[in-house]
Amino acid sequence: MHVSRKAHMATFIEILRPILIDIESLIKNYLSDPFNLTYYNNYMPLKINLITQNDQCTITFLSDGKIIIDHEISMFPDIIINGDDTTLKLILQNRDNKLFREAEEKELIKITPKTSKGEKFTLLVRIILGMF
């Protein structure tokens, strides 16, 4: 697996900021179904901690389909995504589900639901972040 130096040096915030509009668009499309909207709004906010040996952040999904990214991690996350810094950042940057599956099989990346809400939304988070 060839990894560019830029992917290794970029922070989660730098990687996620440019793709926020796409991610929010995917969420809003999902929320266009009245059933999904009601279901989603009943459980938000959803907090996801991204943690590697060199970086961390929290992604918070809000009920209106917006997303907030914070460089501090949540003390009470619903989902934790952790793993190898370069691999996780490359997956997010390229939204590469094939690379994600390979990394998950090799145990370089792990998604862990920490709450029942996290369990309910793990698949949606995987799809939205390009990890499915």
C-alpha atoms as a PDB file:
ATOM      1  CA  MET A   1       0.000   0.000   0.000  1.00  0.00           C
ATOM      2  CA  HIS A   2       1.548   3.303  -1.091  1.00  0.00           C
ATOM      3  CA  VAL A   3       0.721   6.230   1.176  1.00  0.00           C
ATOM      4  CA  SER A   4       1.307   9.818   0.174  1.00  0.00           C
ATOM      5  CA  ARG A   5       3.188  12.065   2.584  1.00  0.00           C
ATOM      6  CA  LYS A   6       0.337  14.590   2.496  1.00  0.00           C
ATOM      7  CA  ALA A   7      -2.176  12.066   3.881  1.00  0.00           C
ATOM      8  CA  HIS A   8       0.186  11.287   6.758  1.00  0.00           C
ATOM      9  CA  MET A   9       0.815  14.929   7.648  1.00  0.00           C
ATOM     10  CA  ALA A  10      -2.756  16.241   7.349  1.00  0.00           C
ATOM     11  CA  THR A  11      -4.919  16.397  10.463  1.00  0.00           C
ATOM     12  CA  PHE A  12      -8.392  14.903  10.694  1.00  0.00           C
ATOM     13  CA  ILE A  13      -9.811  18.429  10.640  1.00  0.00           C
ATOM     14  CA  GLU A  14      -7.903  19.268   7.440  1.00  0.00           C
ATOM     15  CA  ILE A  15      -9.085  16.054   5.786  1.00  0.00           C
ATOM     16  CA  LEU A  16     -12.717  16.289   6.865  1.00  0.00           C
ATOM     17  CA  ARG A  17     -13.308  19.999   6.268  1.00  0.00           C
ATOM     18  CA  PRO A  18     -13.296  19.753   2.416  1.00  0.00           C
ATOM     19  CA  ILE A  19     -15.642  16.740   2.365  1.00  0.00           C
ATOM     20  CA  LEU A  20     -18.156  18.082   4.911  1.00  0.00           C
ATOM     21  CA  ILE A  21     -20.465  19.431   2.209  1.00  0.00           C
ATOM     22  CA  ASP A  22     -20.576  16.001   0.530  1.00  0.00           C
ATOM     23  CA  ILE A  23     -21.187  14.221   3.837  1.00  0.00           C
ATOM     24  CA  GLU A  24     -23.927  16.662   4.854  1.00  0.00           C
ATOM     25  CA  SER A  25     -25.503  16.236   1.406  1.00  0.00           C
ATOM     26  CA  LEU A  26     -25.573  12.445   1.890  1.00  0.00           C
ATOM     27  CA  ILE A  27     -27.210  12.896   5.289  1.00  0.00           C
ATOM     28  CA  LYS A  28     -29.797  15.343   3.965  1.00  0.00           C
ATOM     29  CA  ASN A  29     -30.610  12.938   1.146  1.00  0.00           C
ATOM     30  CA  TYR A  30     -31.096  10.177   3.745  1.00  0.00           C
ATOM     31  CA  LEU A  31     -33.298  12.547   5.780  1.00  0.00           C
ATOM     32  CA  SER A  32     -35.529  13.340   2.793  1.00  0.00           C
ATOM     33  CA  ASP A  33     -37.477  10.170   3.662  1.00  0.00           C
ATOM     34  CA  PRO A  34     -39.923  11.121   6.479  1.00  0.00           C
ATOM     35  CA  PHE A  35     -39.342   7.809   8.286  1.00  0.00           C
ATOM     36  CA  ASN A  36     -35.560   8.277   8.239  1.00  0.00           C
ATOM     37  CA  LEU A  37     -35.941  11.891   9.374  1.00  0.00           C
ATOM     38  CA  THR A  38     -38.017  10.937  12.421  1.00  0.00           C
ATOM     39  CA  TYR A  39     -35.750   8.015  13.299  1.00  0.00           C
ATOM     40  CA  TYR A  40     -32.561  10.073  12.867  1.00  0.00           C
ATOM     41  CA  ASN A  41     -33.836  13.073  14.840  1.00  0.00           C
ATOM     42  CA  ASN A  42     -34.867  10.851  17.756  1.00  0.00           C
ATOM     43  CA  TYR A  43     -31.242   9.817  18.289  1.00  0.00           C
ATOM     44  CA  MET A  44     -29.138  12.851  17.443  1.00  0.00           C
ATOM     45  CA  PRO A  45     -26.639  14.166  18.366  1.00  0.00           C
ATOM     46  CA  LEU A  46     -24.284  11.291  17.584  1.00  0.00           C
ATOM     47  CA  LYS A  47     -20.666  11.668  18.656  1.00  0.00           C
ATOM     48  CA  ILE A  48     -17.865   9.783  16.914  1.00  0.00           C
ATOM     49  CA  ASN A  49     -14.301   9.894  18.164  1.00  0.00           C
ATOM     50  CA  LEU A  50     -11.557   9.354  15.587  1.00  0.00           C
ATOM     51  CA  ILE A  51      -8.368   8.361  17.395  1.00  0.00           C
ATOM     52  CA  THR A  52      -4.908   7.423  16.135  1.00  0.00           C
ATOM     53  CA  GLN A  53      -1.452   7.495  17.658  1.00  0.00           C
ATOM     54  CA  ASN A  54      -0.883  11.005  16.236  1.00  0.00           C
ATOM     55  CA  ASP A  55      -4.282  12.695  15.993  1.00  0.00           C
ATOM     56  CA  GLN A  56      -7.814  12.808  17.337  1.00  0.00           C
ATOM     57  CA  CYS A  57     -11.119  14.561  16.778  1.00  0.00           C
ATOM     58  CA  THR A  58     -14.829  14.238  17.384  1.00  0.00           C
ATOM     59  CA  ILE A  59     -17.403  14.323  14.611  1.00  0.00           C
ATOM     60  CA  THR A  60     -20.854  15.271  15.895  1.00  0.00           C
ATOM     61  CA  PHE A  61     -23.889  14.574  13.718  1.00  0.00           C
ATOM     62  CA  LEU A  62     -26.726  16.981  14.577  1.00  0.00           C
ATOM     63  CA  SER A  63     -30.469  16.512  14.047  1.00  0.00           C
ATOM     64  CA  ASP A  64     -30.629  19.036  11.198  1.00  0.00           C
ATOM     65  CA  GLY A  65     -28.130  17.039   9.114  1.00  0.00           C
ATOM     66  CA  LYS A  66     -25.247  19.350   9.965  1.00  0.00           C
ATOM     67  CA  ILE A  67     -21.912  18.119  11.246  1.00  0.00           C
ATOM     68  CA  ILE A  68     -19.522  19.677  13.724  1.00  0.00           C
ATOM     69  CA  ILE A  69     -15.861  18.673  13.880  1.00  0.00           C
ATOM     70  CA  ASP A  70     -13.887  19.357  17.050  1.00  0.00           C
ATOM     71  CA  HIS A  71     -10.197  18.667  17.614  1.00  0.00           C
ATOM     72  CA  GLU A  72     -10.962  17.532  21.184  1.00  0.00           C
ATOM     73  CA  ILE A  73     -12.408  14.077  21.714  1.00  0.00           C
ATOM     74  CA  SER A  74     -15.745  13.529  23.415  1.00  0.00           C
ATOM     75  CA  MET A  75     -15.712  12.034  26.904  1.00  0.00           C
ATOM     76  CA  PHE A  76     -18.899  10.141  25.994  1.00  0.00           C
ATOM     77  CA  PRO A  77     -18.691   9.024  22.349  1.00  0.00           C
ATOM     78  CA  ASP A  78     -21.316   6.828  20.735  1.00  0.00           C
ATOM     79  CA  ILE A  79     -18.761   5.318  18.351  1.00  0.00           C
ATOM     80  CA  ILE A  80     -14.974   5.157  18.407  1.00  0.00           C
ATOM     81  CA  ILE A  81     -13.021   4.699  15.194  1.00  0.00           C
ATOM     82  CA  ASN A  82      -9.376   4.054  15.907  1.00  0.00           C
ATOM     83  CA  GLY A  83      -6.396   2.734  14.103  1.00  0.00           C
ATOM     84  CA  ASP A  84      -3.232   3.455  12.226  1.00  0.00           C
ATOM     85  CA  ASP A  85      -2.854   7.196  11.592  1.00  0.00           C
ATOM     86  CA  THR A  86      -1.781   7.057   7.954  1.00  0.00           C
ATOM     87  CA  THR A  87      -4.258   4.340   6.984  1.00  0.00           C
ATOM     88  CA  LEU A  88      -7.295   5.952   8.623  1.00  0.00           C
ATOM     89  CA  LYS A  89      -6.505   9.368   7.159  1.00  0.00           C
ATOM     90  CA  LEU A  90      -5.962   7.917   3.696  1.00  0.00           C
ATOM     91  CA  ILE A  91      -9.313   6.106   3.890  1.00  0.00           C
ATOM     92  CA  LEU A  92     -11.124   9.292   4.936  1.00  0.00           C
ATOM     93  CA  GLN A  93      -9.329  11.460   2.417  1.00  0.00           C
ATOM     94  CA  ASN A  94     -10.135   9.143  -0.502  1.00  0.00           C
ATOM     95  CA  ARG A  95     -13.415   7.756   0.914  1.00  0.00           C
ATOM     96  CA  ASP A  96     -11.999   4.373  -0.090  1.00  0.00           C
ATOM     97  CA  ASN A  97     -14.226   1.532   1.105  1.00  0.00           C
ATOM     98  CA  LYS A  98     -11.996  -1.165  -0.436  1.00  0.00           C
ATOM     99  CA  LEU A  99      -8.973   0.101   1.478  1.00  0.00           C
ATOM    100  CA  PHE A 100     -11.119   0.304   4.603  1.00  0.00           C
ATOM    101  CA  ARG A 101     -12.212  -3.334   4.319  1.00  0.00           C
ATOM    102  CA  GLU A 102      -8.595  -4.429   3.820  1.00  0.00           C
ATOM    103  CA  ALA A 103      -7.416  -2.347   6.786  1.00  0.00           C
ATOM    104  CA  GLU A 104     -10.220  -3.653   8.977  1.00  0.00           C
ATOM    105  CA  GLU A 105      -9.371  -7.259   8.060  1.00  0.00           C
ATOM    106  CA  LYS A 106      -5.719  -6.579   8.949  1.00  0.00           C
ATOM    107  CA  GLU A 107      -6.898  -4.937  12.202  1.00  0.00           C
ATOM    108  CA  LEU A 108      -5.349  -1.585  11.260  1.00  0.00           C
ATOM    109  CA  ILE A 109      -8.753   0.104  11.759  1.00  0.00           C
ATOM    110  CA  LYS A 110     -11.513  -0.676  14.231  1.00  0.00           C
ATOM    111  CA  ILE A 111     -15.011   0.754  14.632  1.00  0.00           C
ATOM    112  CA  THR A 112     -16.432   0.234  18.120  1.00  0.00           C
ATOM    113  CA  PRO A 113     -19.976   1.246  19.086  1.00  0.00           C
ATOM    114  CA  LYS A 114     -19.939   2.451  22.703  1.00  0.00           C
ATOM    115  CA  THR A 115     -23.681   3.039  23.181  1.00  0.00           C
ATOM    116  CA  SER A 116     -26.913   1.523  21.887  1.00  0.00           C
ATOM    117  CA  LYS A 117     -27.244   4.657  19.726  1.00  0.00           C
ATOM    118  CA  GLY A 118     -23.788   3.948  18.325  1.00  0.00           C
ATOM    119  CA  GLU A 119     -24.833   0.372  17.510  1.00  0.00           C
ATOM    120  CA  LYS A 120     -27.914   1.624  15.654  1.00  0.00           C
ATOM    121  CA  PHE A 121     -25.934   4.085  13.508  1.00  0.00           C
ATOM    122  CA  THR A 122     -22.655   2.237  12.842  1.00  0.00           C
ATOM    123  CA  LEU A 123     -23.725   1.136   9.353  1.00  0.00           C
ATOM    124  CA  LEU A 124     -24.924   4.629   8.399  1.00  0.00           C
ATOM    125  CA  VAL A 125     -21.642   6.118   9.667  1.00  0.00           C
ATOM    126  CA  ARG A 126     -19.677   3.586   7.611  1.00  0.00           C
ATOM    127  CA  ILE A 127     -21.634   4.526   4.490  1.00  0.00           C
ATOM    128  CA  ILE A 128     -21.362   8.270   5.052  1.00  0.00           C
ATOM    129  CA  LEU A 129     -17.626   8.206   5.778  1.00  0.00           C
ATOM    130  CA  GLY A 130     -16.932   5.896   2.815  1.00  0.00           C
ATOM    131  CA  MET A 131     -16.152   2.913   4.996  1.00  0.00           C
ATOM    132  CA  PHE A 132     -18.716   0.458   3.633  1.00  0.00           C
END
